[in-house]
Amino acid sequence: MNRRLKKALALSFVWLMLAITYVPILVLFVYSFTGAKVLGVWSGFTLELYAKVFTDSQIMEAVRNSLILAGSAALISTVFGTVSAIGIFYLRTWKRKCLDFLTQITMINAEIVTGIAFLLLFVMLKFIPTGWPTLIIAHVFITVPYVIMSVLPRLGQLNPNLYEAGLDLGAGPLKALVKVLIPQLIPAMISGFALAFTLSLDDFVVTKFINGNVSTISTYLYNKLTKKGVQPVLRALSSLIFFAVLIILIVINVVSARRARNAQKKAN
């Protein structure tokens, strides 16, 4: 098999995977502009479904709760994850490998197992009320490893003696961390925040087990689908969620790329 044929097959596979992933979303988006109850039937162009999204109090409550939960969890996990990544980076080899392994377990563990584990934990810890406290704690724990995964490579690109240099120049440990090290990690922290935010926004299994009476987008969609099937308004809601996350990721990537270019220019 020659090189050109291998390249053509590889590109064909990539485009096939992209089509399988995004064509259903495109179909959903197209039919969000028609009021037909059955997907695949076009009854005329209308923005009625989008109007229903913004006038439905239950949907608005679910969206508001999801944004608050994702924003809070992402912010807390970005702080904890960044500090944890710095601590892991400066550990000795075997300790660093052990902690890397432990953080990876959380990412590859089956989500149903994680959800049940959190449920049992909060049943035992009865002093933590079910609802917002349990949701934020659980979402922080499941997103912190992704922030660590985003920050560690950036630390590897920096001068390993940067922190010690700050100490040698008279800064205290906290000041060296905040003034010297953290500014160099901002692009990675932004990427980690974005990843944590989208993962928290998307999570269903863990949220379903411990949400209490808090309605999020994922639990709202699940309840509606199990009771009444795919309602037309859900097409518009799903399209809005997809494009909102897409826009956030594009903006964050553009900002991170600009920061990286500016930092490179200053270094040169």
C-alpha atoms as a PDB file:
ATOM      1  CA  MET A   1       0.000   0.000   0.000  1.00  0.00           C
ATOM      2  CA  ASN A   2       1.602   3.246  -1.132  1.00  0.00           C
ATOM      3  CA  ARG A   3       1.844   6.399   0.943  1.00  0.00           C
ATOM      4  CA  ARG A   4      -0.807   8.316  -1.034  1.00  0.00           C
ATOM      5  CA  LEU A   5      -3.391   5.547  -0.576  1.00  0.00           C
ATOM      6  CA  LYS A   6      -2.668   5.356   3.168  1.00  0.00           C
ATOM      7  CA  LYS A   7      -3.172   9.111   3.470  1.00  0.00           C
ATOM      8  CA  ALA A   8      -6.461   8.925   1.517  1.00  0.00           C
ATOM      9  CA  LEU A   9      -7.770   6.106   3.736  1.00  0.00           C
ATOM     10  CA  ALA A  10      -6.759   7.977   6.881  1.00  0.00           C
ATOM     11  CA  LEU A  11      -8.509  11.159   5.732  1.00  0.00           C
ATOM     12  CA  SER A  12     -11.594   9.161   4.698  1.00  0.00           C
ATOM     13  CA  PHE A  13     -11.764   7.604   8.165  1.00  0.00           C
ATOM     14  CA  VAL A  14     -11.437  11.007   9.844  1.00  0.00           C
ATOM     15  CA  TRP A  15     -14.178  12.530   7.700  1.00  0.00           C
ATOM     16  CA  LEU A  16     -16.413   9.508   8.309  1.00  0.00           C
ATOM     17  CA  MET A  17     -16.022   9.869  12.081  1.00  0.00           C
ATOM     18  CA  LEU A  18     -16.718  13.610  11.873  1.00  0.00           C
ATOM     19  CA  ALA A  19     -19.822  12.967   9.781  1.00  0.00           C
ATOM     20  CA  ILE A  20     -21.146  10.343  12.221  1.00  0.00           C
ATOM     21  CA  THR A  21     -20.587  12.771  15.099  1.00  0.00           C
ATOM     22  CA  TYR A  22     -21.844  16.048  13.619  1.00  0.00           C
ATOM     23  CA  VAL A  23     -24.439  15.174  10.975  1.00  0.00           C
ATOM     24  CA  PRO A  24     -27.069  14.212  13.606  1.00  0.00           C
ATOM     25  CA  ILE A  25     -26.392  17.516  15.396  1.00  0.00           C
ATOM     26  CA  LEU A  26     -26.774  19.379  12.090  1.00  0.00           C
ATOM     27  CA  VAL A  27     -30.093  17.605  11.430  1.00  0.00           C
ATOM     28  CA  LEU A  28     -31.263  18.490  14.930  1.00  0.00           C
ATOM     29  CA  PHE A  29     -30.293  22.119  14.357  1.00  0.00           C
ATOM     30  CA  VAL A  30     -32.087  22.329  10.985  1.00  0.00           C
ATOM     31  CA  TYR A  31     -35.330  20.881  12.363  1.00  0.00           C
ATOM     32  CA  SER A  32     -35.203  23.206  15.372  1.00  0.00           C
ATOM     33  CA  PHE A  33     -36.545  25.849  12.958  1.00  0.00           C
ATOM     34  CA  THR A  34     -39.781  24.002  12.294  1.00  0.00           C
ATOM     35  CA  GLY A  35     -42.669  23.299  14.646  1.00  0.00           C
ATOM     36  CA  ALA A  36     -43.400  19.768  13.399  1.00  0.00           C
ATOM     37  CA  LYS A  37     -43.722  17.264  16.224  1.00  0.00           C
ATOM     38  CA  VAL A  38     -42.032  14.479  14.247  1.00  0.00           C
ATOM     39  CA  LEU A  39     -38.342  14.851  13.402  1.00  0.00           C
ATOM     40  CA  GLY A  40     -37.906  14.629   9.627  1.00  0.00           C
ATOM     41  CA  VAL A  41     -41.167  16.397   8.800  1.00  0.00           C
ATOM     42  CA  TRP A  42     -40.824  20.037   7.695  1.00  0.00           C
ATOM     43  CA  SER A  43     -43.910  22.136   8.403  1.00  0.00           C
ATOM     44  CA  GLY A  44     -42.431  25.518   7.544  1.00  0.00           C
ATOM     45  CA  PHE A  45     -39.771  27.845   8.945  1.00  0.00           C
ATOM     46  CA  THR A  46     -40.482  29.250  12.392  1.00  0.00           C
ATOM     47  CA  LEU A  47     -38.676  30.496  15.497  1.00  0.00           C
ATOM     48  CA  GLU A  48     -41.506  29.329  17.719  1.00  0.00           C
ATOM     49  CA  LEU A  49     -39.440  26.586  19.387  1.00  0.00           C
ATOM     50  CA  TYR A  50     -36.705  29.047  20.381  1.00  0.00           C
ATOM     51  CA  ALA A  51     -39.332  31.397  21.771  1.00  0.00           C
ATOM     52  CA  LYS A  52     -40.709  28.538  23.880  1.00  0.00           C
ATOM     53  CA  VAL A  53     -37.238  27.836  25.276  1.00  0.00           C
ATOM     54  CA  PHE A  54     -36.947  31.364  26.681  1.00  0.00           C
ATOM     55  CA  THR A  55     -40.523  31.509  27.952  1.00  0.00           C
ATOM     56  CA  ASP A  56     -40.608  28.087  29.645  1.00  0.00           C
ATOM     57  CA  SER A  57     -39.917  28.651  33.353  1.00  0.00           C
ATOM     58  CA  GLN A  58     -38.767  25.049  33.937  1.00  0.00           C
ATOM     59  CA  ILE A  59     -36.208  25.229  31.136  1.00  0.00           C
ATOM     60  CA  MET A  60     -34.912  28.591  32.318  1.00  0.00           C
ATOM     61  CA  GLU A  61     -34.566  27.274  35.865  1.00  0.00           C
ATOM     62  CA  ALA A  62     -32.645  24.216  34.618  1.00  0.00           C
ATOM     63  CA  VAL A  63     -30.353  26.396  32.481  1.00  0.00           C
ATOM     64  CA  ARG A  64     -29.705  28.816  35.346  1.00  0.00           C
ATOM     65  CA  ASN A  65     -28.954  25.976  37.780  1.00  0.00           C
ATOM     66  CA  SER A  66     -26.620  24.292  35.286  1.00  0.00           C
ATOM     67  CA  LEU A  67     -24.665  27.482  34.622  1.00  0.00           C
ATOM     68  CA  ILE A  68     -24.317  28.244  38.337  1.00  0.00           C
ATOM     69  CA  LEU A  69     -23.227  24.666  39.066  1.00  0.00           C
ATOM     70  CA  ALA A  70     -20.774  24.460  36.158  1.00  0.00           C
ATOM     71  CA  GLY A  71     -19.315  27.905  36.856  1.00  0.00           C
ATOM     72  CA  SER A  72     -18.874  27.271  40.576  1.00  0.00           C
ATOM     73  CA  ALA A  73     -17.409  23.786  40.115  1.00  0.00           C
ATOM     74  CA  ALA A  74     -15.076  24.935  37.326  1.00  0.00           C
ATOM     75  CA  LEU A  75     -13.822  27.907  39.345  1.00  0.00           C
ATOM     76  CA  ILE A  76     -13.131  25.846  42.469  1.00  0.00           C
ATOM     77  CA  SER A  77     -11.585  22.973  40.517  1.00  0.00           C
ATOM     78  CA  THR A  78      -9.346  25.397  38.602  1.00  0.00           C
ATOM     79  CA  VAL A  79      -7.928  26.728  41.891  1.00  0.00           C
ATOM     80  CA  PHE A  80      -7.530  23.293  43.483  1.00  0.00           C
ATOM     81  CA  GLY A  81      -6.324  21.676  40.260  1.00  0.00           C
ATOM     82  CA  THR A  82      -3.679  24.318  39.610  1.00  0.00           C
ATOM     83  CA  VAL A  83      -2.285  24.112  43.149  1.00  0.00           C
ATOM     84  CA  SER A  84      -2.376  20.294  42.975  1.00  0.00           C
ATOM     85  CA  ALA A  85      -0.582  20.282  39.608  1.00  0.00           C
ATOM     86  CA  ILE A  86       2.186  22.508  40.999  1.00  0.00           C
ATOM     87  CA  GLY A  87       2.554  20.232  44.019  1.00  0.00           C
ATOM     88  CA  ILE A  88       2.653  17.103  41.854  1.00  0.00           C
ATOM     89  CA  PHE A  89       5.174  18.647  39.462  1.00  0.00           C
ATOM     90  CA  TYR A  90       7.708  19.397  42.214  1.00  0.00           C
ATOM     91  CA  LEU A  91       7.447  15.984  43.881  1.00  0.00           C
ATOM     92  CA  ARG A  92      10.030  13.247  43.542  1.00  0.00           C
ATOM     93  CA  THR A  93       9.659  10.833  40.635  1.00  0.00           C
ATOM     94  CA  TRP A  94       7.939   7.907  42.366  1.00  0.00           C
ATOM     95  CA  LYS A  95       5.552  10.113  44.343  1.00  0.00           C
ATOM     96  CA  ARG A  96       4.644  12.040  41.201  1.00  0.00           C
ATOM     97  CA  LYS A  97       3.945   8.800  39.323  1.00  0.00           C
ATOM     98  CA  CYS A  98       1.696   7.579  42.136  1.00  0.00           C
ATOM     99  CA  LEU A  99      -0.357  10.788  42.190  1.00  0.00           C
ATOM    100  CA  ASP A 100      -0.556  10.850  38.383  1.00  0.00           C
ATOM    101  CA  PHE A 101      -1.936   7.316  38.517  1.00  0.00           C
ATOM    102  CA  LEU A 102      -4.500   8.225  41.182  1.00  0.00           C
ATOM    103  CA  THR A 103      -5.775  11.240  39.216  1.00  0.00           C
ATOM    104  CA  GLN A 104      -6.075   9.150  36.048  1.00  0.00           C
ATOM    105  CA  ILE A 105      -8.270   6.614  37.849  1.00  0.00           C
ATOM    106  CA  THR A 106     -10.922   9.295  38.347  1.00  0.00           C
ATOM    107  CA  MET A 107     -10.935  10.129  34.630  1.00  0.00           C
ATOM    108  CA  ILE A 108     -11.140   6.560  33.304  1.00  0.00           C
ATOM    109  CA  ASN A 109     -13.400   5.158  36.024  1.00  0.00           C
ATOM    110  CA  ALA A 110     -16.919   4.226  34.925  1.00  0.00           C
ATOM    111  CA  GLU A 111     -19.205   7.180  35.664  1.00  0.00           C
ATOM    112  CA  ILE A 112     -21.920   4.917  37.077  1.00  0.00           C
ATOM    113  CA  VAL A 113     -19.407   3.678  39.695  1.00  0.00           C
ATOM    114  CA  THR A 114     -18.465   7.252  40.555  1.00  0.00           C
ATOM    115  CA  GLY A 115     -22.119   8.222  40.873  1.00  0.00           C
ATOM    116  CA  ILE A 116     -22.918   5.322  43.206  1.00  0.00           C
ATOM    117  CA  ALA A 117     -19.789   6.034  45.269  1.00  0.00           C
ATOM    118  CA  PHE A 118     -20.821   9.663  45.763  1.00  0.00           C
ATOM    119  CA  LEU A 119     -24.364   8.577  46.633  1.00  0.00           C
ATOM    120  CA  LEU A 120     -23.111   6.201  49.319  1.00  0.00           C
ATOM    121  CA  LEU A 121     -20.664   8.794  50.615  1.00  0.00           C
ATOM    122  CA  PHE A 122     -23.310  11.471  51.059  1.00  0.00           C
ATOM    123  CA  VAL A 123     -25.711   8.959  52.622  1.00  0.00           C
ATOM    124  CA  MET A 124     -23.069   8.282  55.273  1.00  0.00           C
ATOM    125  CA  LEU A 125     -22.240  11.984  55.659  1.00  0.00           C
ATOM    126  CA  LYS A 126     -25.749  12.996  56.623  1.00  0.00           C
ATOM    127  CA  PHE A 127     -24.646  16.431  57.819  1.00  0.00           C
ATOM    128  CA  ILE A 128     -24.113  17.479  54.164  1.00  0.00           C
ATOM    129  CA  PRO A 129     -27.530  18.424  52.763  1.00  0.00           C
ATOM    130  CA  THR A 130     -28.528  16.859  49.452  1.00  0.00           C
ATOM    131  CA  GLY A 131     -28.748  19.347  46.581  1.00  0.00           C
ATOM    132  CA  TRP A 132     -26.375  22.223  45.889  1.00  0.00           C
ATOM    133  CA  PRO A 133     -23.657  21.246  48.438  1.00  0.00           C
ATOM    134  CA  THR A 134     -23.430  17.629  47.241  1.00  0.00           C
ATOM    135  CA  LEU A 135     -23.568  18.642  43.571  1.00  0.00           C
ATOM    136  CA  ILE A 136     -20.769  21.212  43.860  1.00  0.00           C
ATOM    137  CA  ILE A 137     -18.541  18.863  45.897  1.00  0.00           C
ATOM    138  CA  ALA A 138     -19.052  15.986  43.441  1.00  0.00           C
ATOM    139  CA  HIS A 139     -18.536  18.127  40.339  1.00  0.00           C
ATOM    140  CA  VAL A 140     -15.353  19.622  41.788  1.00  0.00           C
ATOM    141  CA  PHE A 141     -13.931  16.163  42.432  1.00  0.00           C
ATOM    142  CA  ILE A 142     -14.737  14.854  38.943  1.00  0.00           C
ATOM    143  CA  THR A 143     -13.337  17.942  37.176  1.00  0.00           C
ATOM    144  CA  VAL A 144     -10.158  18.625  39.202  1.00  0.00           C
ATOM    145  CA  PRO A 145      -8.199  15.827  37.407  1.00  0.00           C
ATOM    146  CA  TYR A 146      -8.870  17.485  34.047  1.00  0.00           C
ATOM    147  CA  VAL A 147      -7.494  20.794  35.302  1.00  0.00           C
ATOM    148  CA  ILE A 148      -4.400  18.979  36.557  1.00  0.00           C
ATOM    149  CA  MET A 149      -4.077  17.334  33.148  1.00  0.00           C
ATOM    150  CA  SER A 150      -4.200  20.779  31.502  1.00  0.00           C
ATOM    151  CA  VAL A 151      -1.740  22.516  33.839  1.00  0.00           C
ATOM    152  CA  LEU A 152       0.963  19.831  34.171  1.00  0.00           C
ATOM    153  CA  PRO A 153       2.156  20.019  30.522  1.00  0.00           C
ATOM    154  CA  ARG A 154       2.489  23.797  30.818  1.00  0.00           C
ATOM    155  CA  LEU A 155       4.609  23.367  33.950  1.00  0.00           C
ATOM    156  CA  GLY A 156       6.826  20.997  32.000  1.00  0.00           C
ATOM    157  CA  GLN A 157       7.453  23.730  29.419  1.00  0.00           C
ATOM    158  CA  LEU A 158       8.632  26.242  32.028  1.00  0.00           C
ATOM    159  CA  ASN A 159      12.062  26.535  33.569  1.00  0.00           C
ATOM    160  CA  PRO A 160      11.995  24.086  36.519  1.00  0.00           C
ATOM    161  CA  ASN A 161      14.024  26.565  38.599  1.00  0.00           C
ATOM    162  CA  LEU A 162      11.546  29.419  38.109  1.00  0.00           C
ATOM    163  CA  TYR A 163       9.920  29.049  41.533  1.00  0.00           C
ATOM    164  CA  GLU A 164      13.271  28.715  43.318  1.00  0.00           C
ATOM    165  CA  ALA A 165      14.538  31.790  41.472  1.00  0.00           C
ATOM    166  CA  GLY A 166      11.634  33.797  42.903  1.00  0.00           C
ATOM    167  CA  LEU A 167      12.541  32.599  46.392  1.00  0.00           C
ATOM    168  CA  ASP A 168      16.199  33.486  45.877  1.00  0.00           C
ATOM    169  CA  LEU A 169      15.211  37.020  44.829  1.00  0.00           C
ATOM    170  CA  GLY A 170      13.482  37.613  48.157  1.00  0.00           C
ATOM    171  CA  ALA A 171       9.876  36.589  47.531  1.00  0.00           C
ATOM    172  CA  GLY A 172       8.131  34.427  50.107  1.00  0.00           C
ATOM    173  CA  PRO A 173       6.666  31.033  49.102  1.00  0.00           C
ATOM    174  CA  LEU A 174       3.147  32.420  48.584  1.00  0.00           C
ATOM    175  CA  LYS A 175       4.337  35.544  46.743  1.00  0.00           C
ATOM    176  CA  ALA A 176       6.617  33.482  44.493  1.00  0.00           C
ATOM    177  CA  LEU A 177       3.700  31.222  43.690  1.00  0.00           C
ATOM    178  CA  VAL A 178       1.261  34.059  42.948  1.00  0.00           C
ATOM    179  CA  LYS A 179       3.626  36.569  41.318  1.00  0.00           C
ATOM    180  CA  VAL A 180       6.089  34.312  39.511  1.00  0.00           C
ATOM    181  CA  LEU A 181       4.550  30.919  38.744  1.00  0.00           C
ATOM    182  CA  ILE A 182       0.793  31.477  38.401  1.00  0.00           C
ATOM    183  CA  PRO A 183       1.041  34.173  35.643  1.00  0.00           C
ATOM    184  CA  GLN A 184       2.934  31.672  33.483  1.00  0.00           C
ATOM    185  CA  LEU A 185       0.113  29.139  33.927  1.00  0.00           C
ATOM    186  CA  ILE A 186      -2.835  31.366  32.977  1.00  0.00           C
ATOM    187  CA  PRO A 187      -3.343  29.916  29.443  1.00  0.00           C
ATOM    188  CA  ALA A 188      -3.362  26.365  30.856  1.00  0.00           C
ATOM    189  CA  MET A 189      -5.688  27.443  33.673  1.00  0.00           C
ATOM    190  CA  ILE A 190      -8.108  28.943  31.141  1.00  0.00           C
ATOM    191  CA  SER A 191      -8.082  25.698  29.169  1.00  0.00           C
ATOM    192  CA  GLY A 192      -8.616  23.711  32.358  1.00  0.00           C
ATOM    193  CA  PHE A 193     -11.492  25.973  33.399  1.00  0.00           C
ATOM    194  CA  ALA A 194     -13.157  25.565  29.988  1.00  0.00           C
ATOM    195  CA  LEU A 195     -12.758  21.788  30.126  1.00  0.00           C
ATOM    196  CA  ALA A 196     -14.091  21.611  33.687  1.00  0.00           C
ATOM    197  CA  PHE A 197     -17.020  23.888  32.801  1.00  0.00           C
ATOM    198  CA  THR A 198     -18.107  21.820  29.796  1.00  0.00           C
ATOM    199  CA  LEU A 199     -17.688  18.517  31.652  1.00  0.00           C
ATOM    200  CA  SER A 200     -19.754  19.779  34.574  1.00  0.00           C
ATOM    201  CA  LEU A 201     -22.400  21.180  32.232  1.00  0.00           C
ATOM    202  CA  ASP A 202     -22.570  17.873  30.368  1.00  0.00           C
ATOM    203  CA  ASP A 203     -22.563  15.520  33.361  1.00  0.00           C
ATOM    204  CA  PHE A 204     -25.695  13.453  33.903  1.00  0.00           C
ATOM    205  CA  VAL A 205     -24.963  10.231  35.791  1.00  0.00           C
ATOM    206  CA  VAL A 206     -23.333  11.730  38.901  1.00  0.00           C
ATOM    207  CA  THR A 207     -25.807  14.620  38.897  1.00  0.00           C
ATOM    208  CA  LYS A 208     -28.797  12.280  38.666  1.00  0.00           C
ATOM    209  CA  PHE A 209     -27.703  10.301  41.718  1.00  0.00           C
ATOM    210  CA  ILE A 210     -27.192  13.259  44.062  1.00  0.00           C
ATOM    211  CA  ASN A 211     -29.092  16.230  42.624  1.00  0.00           C
ATOM    212  CA  GLY A 212     -31.864  16.175  45.208  1.00  0.00           C
ATOM    213  CA  ASN A 213     -34.467  18.717  44.051  1.00  0.00           C
ATOM    214  CA  VAL A 214     -32.028  20.738  41.893  1.00  0.00           C
ATOM    215  CA  SER A 215     -33.027  20.609  38.237  1.00  0.00           C
ATOM    216  CA  THR A 216     -30.189  20.841  35.692  1.00  0.00           C
ATOM    217  CA  ILE A 217     -30.293  20.689  31.908  1.00  0.00           C
ATOM    218  CA  SER A 218     -29.264  17.027  31.817  1.00  0.00           C
ATOM    219  CA  THR A 219     -31.794  15.897  34.428  1.00  0.00           C
ATOM    220  CA  TYR A 220     -34.526  18.062  32.874  1.00  0.00           C
ATOM    221  CA  LEU A 221     -33.949  16.508  29.437  1.00  0.00           C
ATOM    222  CA  TYR A 222     -33.912  13.014  30.930  1.00  0.00           C
ATOM    223  CA  ASN A 223     -37.170  13.533  32.809  1.00  0.00           C
ATOM    224  CA  LYS A 224     -38.891  14.971  29.737  1.00  0.00           C
ATOM    225  CA  LEU A 225     -37.630  12.232  27.405  1.00  0.00           C
ATOM    226  CA  THR A 226     -38.709   9.410  29.723  1.00  0.00           C
ATOM    227  CA  LYS A 227     -42.166  10.862  30.323  1.00  0.00           C
ATOM    228  CA  LYS A 228     -43.201  12.551  27.062  1.00  0.00           C
ATOM    229  CA  GLY A 229     -40.600  11.555  24.463  1.00  0.00           C
ATOM    230  CA  VAL A 230     -38.690  13.970  22.249  1.00  0.00           C
ATOM    231  CA  GLN A 231     -40.698  17.190  22.375  1.00  0.00           C
ATOM    232  CA  PRO A 232     -40.049  19.739  19.592  1.00  0.00           C
ATOM    233  CA  VAL A 233     -38.829  22.381  22.065  1.00  0.00           C
ATOM    234  CA  LEU A 234     -36.002  20.054  23.107  1.00  0.00           C
ATOM    235  CA  ARG A 235     -34.537  20.338  19.607  1.00  0.00           C
ATOM    236  CA  ALA A 236     -34.123  24.082  20.052  1.00  0.00           C
ATOM    237  CA  LEU A 237     -32.767  23.686  23.589  1.00  0.00           C
ATOM    238  CA  SER A 238     -30.185  21.098  22.493  1.00  0.00           C
ATOM    239  CA  SER A 239     -29.071  23.303  19.593  1.00  0.00           C
ATOM    240  CA  LEU A 240     -28.615  26.300  21.876  1.00  0.00           C
ATOM    241  CA  ILE A 241     -26.557  24.269  24.350  1.00  0.00           C
ATOM    242  CA  PHE A 242     -24.297  22.924  21.599  1.00  0.00           C
ATOM    243  CA  PHE A 243     -23.595  26.290  20.011  1.00  0.00           C
ATOM    244  CA  ALA A 244     -23.181  28.062  23.359  1.00  0.00           C
ATOM    245  CA  VAL A 245     -20.476  25.577  24.408  1.00  0.00           C
ATOM    246  CA  LEU A 246     -18.900  25.791  20.944  1.00  0.00           C
ATOM    247  CA  ILE A 247     -18.685  29.597  21.101  1.00  0.00           C
ATOM    248  CA  ILE A 248     -17.198  29.496  24.616  1.00  0.00           C
ATOM    249  CA  LEU A 249     -14.518  27.032  23.544  1.00  0.00           C
ATOM    250  CA  ILE A 250     -13.647  29.060  20.428  1.00  0.00           C
ATOM    251  CA  VAL A 251     -13.313  32.289  22.436  1.00  0.00           C
ATOM    252  CA  ILE A 252     -11.185  30.651  25.119  1.00  0.00           C
ATOM    253  CA  ASN A 253      -8.908  28.987  22.552  1.00  0.00           C
ATOM    254  CA  VAL A 254      -8.458  32.282  20.690  1.00  0.00           C
ATOM    255  CA  VAL A 255      -7.611  34.116  23.925  1.00  0.00           C
ATOM    256  CA  SER A 256      -5.172  31.374  24.961  1.00  0.00           C
ATOM    257  CA  ALA A 257      -3.487  31.433  21.547  1.00  0.00           C
ATOM    258  CA  ARG A 258      -3.066  35.213  21.712  1.00  0.00           C
ATOM    259  CA  ARG A 259      -1.605  35.015  25.201  1.00  0.00           C
ATOM    260  CA  ALA A 260       0.846  32.356  24.050  1.00  0.00           C
ATOM    261  CA  ARG A 261       1.927  34.453  21.061  1.00  0.00           C
ATOM    262  CA  ASN A 262       2.371  37.549  23.227  1.00  0.00           C
ATOM    263  CA  ALA A 263       4.416  35.577  25.763  1.00  0.00           C
ATOM    264  CA  GLN A 264       6.598  34.198  22.968  1.00  0.00           C
ATOM    265  CA  LYS A 265       7.169  37.681  21.535  1.00  0.00           C
ATOM    266  CA  LYS A 266       8.189  39.002  24.955  1.00  0.00           C
ATOM    267  CA  ALA A 267      10.550  36.081  25.430  1.00  0.00           C
ATOM    268  CA  ASN A 268      12.184  36.775  22.080  1.00  0.00           C
END
